[in-house]
Protein backbone atom coordinates (compact mmCIF):
# COMPACT_ATOMS: atom_id res chain seq x y z
CA UNK A 1 14.45 1.82 -2.82
CA UNK A 2 16.57 -1.31 -3.05
CA UNK A 3 14.91 -4.30 -1.41
CA UNK A 4 17.30 -6.98 -2.63
CA UNK A 5 20.92 -6.94 -1.50
CA UNK A 6 23.83 -9.32 -2.03
CA UNK A 7 23.83 -10.03 1.73
CA UNK A 8 20.21 -11.20 1.58
CA UNK A 9 20.93 -13.84 -1.07
CA UNK A 10 22.20 -17.33 -0.29
CA UNK A 11 23.13 -19.64 -3.15
CA UNK A 12 23.89 -23.37 -3.03
CA UNK A 13 21.98 -23.98 0.19
CA UNK A 14 21.09 -27.47 1.47
CA UNK A 15 18.34 -28.30 3.95
CA UNK A 16 16.68 -31.42 5.32
CA UNK A 17 13.30 -29.79 5.99
CA UNK A 18 11.21 -26.91 4.72
CA UNK A 19 11.32 -25.46 8.26
CA UNK A 20 15.12 -25.17 8.01
CA UNK A 21 14.79 -23.49 4.62
CA UNK A 22 12.18 -21.01 5.88
CA UNK A 23 14.30 -20.26 8.94
CA UNK A 24 17.27 -19.50 6.65
CA UNK A 25 15.26 -16.97 4.61
CA UNK A 26 14.19 -15.30 7.85
CA UNK A 27 17.71 -15.25 9.26
CA UNK A 28 18.90 -13.31 6.20
CA UNK A 29 16.18 -10.71 6.84
CA UNK A 30 17.15 -10.49 10.53
CA UNK A 31 20.86 -10.12 9.69
CA UNK A 32 20.05 -7.31 7.23
CA UNK A 33 18.10 -5.43 9.90
CA UNK A 34 14.76 -5.76 8.09
CA UNK A 35 12.93 -7.67 10.83
CA UNK A 36 13.18 -8.63 14.49
CA UNK A 37 14.20 -12.19 15.38
CA UNK A 38 10.59 -13.10 16.28
CA UNK A 39 9.56 -12.64 12.62
CA UNK A 40 11.14 -16.02 11.82
CA UNK A 41 8.70 -17.81 14.14
CA UNK A 42 5.87 -15.94 12.46
CA UNK A 43 7.06 -17.20 9.06
CA UNK A 44 6.97 -20.78 10.39
CA UNK A 45 3.48 -20.21 11.85
CA UNK A 46 2.17 -18.99 8.49
CA UNK A 47 3.54 -22.09 6.79
CA UNK A 48 1.67 -24.28 9.29
CA UNK A 49 -1.66 -22.65 8.40
CA UNK A 50 -1.19 -21.90 4.69
CA UNK A 51 1.55 -23.29 2.47
CA UNK A 52 3.72 -20.62 0.88
CA UNK A 53 4.51 -22.98 -2.01
CA UNK A 54 3.54 -21.10 -5.18
CA UNK A 55 4.18 -23.65 -7.94
CA UNK A 56 7.01 -23.52 -10.51
CA UNK A 57 9.44 -24.67 -7.82
CA UNK A 58 9.21 -21.53 -5.68
CA UNK A 59 7.98 -20.67 -2.20
CA UNK A 60 7.43 -17.21 -0.73
CA UNK A 61 7.64 -17.50 3.06
CA UNK A 62 6.48 -14.44 4.97
CA UNK A 63 5.13 -13.62 8.40
CA UNK A 64 1.59 -13.53 9.70
CA UNK A 65 -0.44 -10.32 10.01
CA UNK A 66 0.27 -10.40 13.75
CA UNK A 67 3.99 -9.98 13.04
CA UNK A 68 3.62 -6.64 11.22
CA UNK A 69 5.12 -4.77 14.18
CA UNK A 70 8.36 -6.75 13.94
CA UNK A 71 9.14 -5.46 10.42
CA UNK A 72 11.61 -2.57 10.34
CA UNK A 73 11.94 -2.18 6.55
CA UNK A 74 10.66 -3.79 3.38
CA UNK A 75 13.10 -6.34 2.06
CA UNK A 76 13.41 -9.62 0.16
CA UNK A 77 15.75 -12.50 0.96
CA UNK A 78 16.45 -15.21 -1.58
CA UNK A 79 17.67 -18.72 -0.87
CA UNK A 80 18.49 -21.05 -3.76
CA UNK A 81 18.46 -24.78 -2.97
CA UNK A 82 19.95 -26.57 -6.03
CA UNK A 83 18.90 -30.02 -4.81
CA UNK A 84 15.44 -28.76 -3.87
CA UNK A 85 13.42 -29.18 -0.70
CA UNK A 86 9.99 -30.79 -0.36
CA UNK A 87 7.19 -28.47 0.74
CA UNK A 88 4.77 -31.39 0.95
CA UNK A 89 4.65 -34.62 2.92
CA UNK A 90 4.47 -36.39 -0.44
CA UNK A 91 8.01 -36.60 -1.91
CA UNK A 92 8.56 -34.46 -5.01
CA UNK A 93 4.96 -33.23 -5.09
CA UNK A 94 5.86 -29.66 -4.15
CA UNK A 95 9.60 -29.35 -4.74
CA UNK A 96 11.09 -25.91 -4.08
CA UNK A 97 14.41 -24.70 -5.47
CA UNK A 98 14.03 -20.95 -4.80
CA UNK A 99 12.64 -19.33 -1.63
CA UNK A 100 11.81 -15.65 -1.49
CA UNK A 101 11.57 -14.44 2.10
CA UNK A 102 9.44 -11.31 2.23
CA UNK A 103 9.07 -8.60 4.84
CA UNK A 104 6.87 -5.67 3.91
CA UNK A 105 5.91 -2.56 5.82
CA UNK A 106 2.17 -1.90 5.56
CA UNK A 107 0.86 -3.53 2.40
CA UNK A 108 4.14 -3.30 0.48
CA UNK A 109 4.48 -7.09 0.64
CA UNK A 110 1.37 -7.52 -1.53
CA UNK A 111 3.04 -5.71 -4.41
CA UNK A 112 6.21 -7.77 -3.94
CA UNK A 113 4.25 -11.03 -3.89
CA UNK A 114 2.54 -10.07 -7.13
CA UNK A 115 5.76 -9.08 -8.92
CA UNK A 116 7.59 -12.22 -7.81
CA UNK A 117 4.67 -14.42 -8.88
CA UNK A 118 4.58 -12.78 -12.32
CA UNK A 119 8.37 -13.11 -12.76
CA UNK A 120 8.32 -16.75 -11.66
CA UNK A 121 5.34 -17.65 -13.82
CA UNK A 122 7.93 -17.96 -16.60
CA UNK A 123 9.75 -21.24 -15.93
CA UNK A 124 12.85 -19.96 -17.77
CA UNK A 125 13.15 -17.16 -15.18
CA UNK A 126 13.08 -19.68 -12.33
CA UNK A 127 15.69 -21.82 -14.10
CA UNK A 128 17.98 -18.78 -14.47
CA UNK A 129 17.65 -18.08 -10.72
CA UNK A 130 18.52 -21.69 -9.86
CA UNK A 131 21.59 -21.56 -12.12
CA UNK A 132 22.80 -18.11 -11.01
CA UNK A 133 26.38 -18.31 -9.79
CA UNK A 134 26.60 -15.04 -7.85
CA UNK A 135 24.26 -12.86 -5.78
CA UNK A 136 24.91 -10.09 -8.33
CA UNK A 137 23.54 -12.34 -11.09
CA UNK A 138 20.37 -12.92 -9.04
CA UNK A 139 19.96 -9.18 -8.51
CA UNK A 140 20.39 -8.54 -12.23
CA UNK A 141 17.65 -11.07 -13.02
CA UNK A 142 15.28 -9.51 -10.49
CA UNK A 143 16.01 -5.83 -11.05
CA UNK A 144 12.63 -5.25 -12.69
CA UNK A 145 10.78 -6.48 -9.60
CA UNK A 146 11.81 -3.34 -7.75
CA UNK A 147 10.39 -0.86 -10.27
């Protein structure tokens, strides 16, 4: 089952706030038919209670448990922000260059979170994502996540 598609990847994005960046990852999931529009608000609510910043310049925004009913299919959206976006009130403390928006039916998101965290634990993998020039290049880098 393919969970990453070229239409759920946005490269070269620019945002002023982490809220804008999270909203963009959610909008890709909505446009792909993976979630209902209300899932985006749930992603923002989760960020208010627990940061989705994971270290190594990545964040993995996803909805709250209460939003489970708004997920139609398991999918990942990816937004690359070459200039980075602060996920902390302290400038440059938690800089994010790659956001993985996750929607998972049942507990499928837990497996995705784990695989993304393992992949991104290698800084060279994160650097390759940031430098990817096409959505196809991003998919090629992440193809092992879907196994």
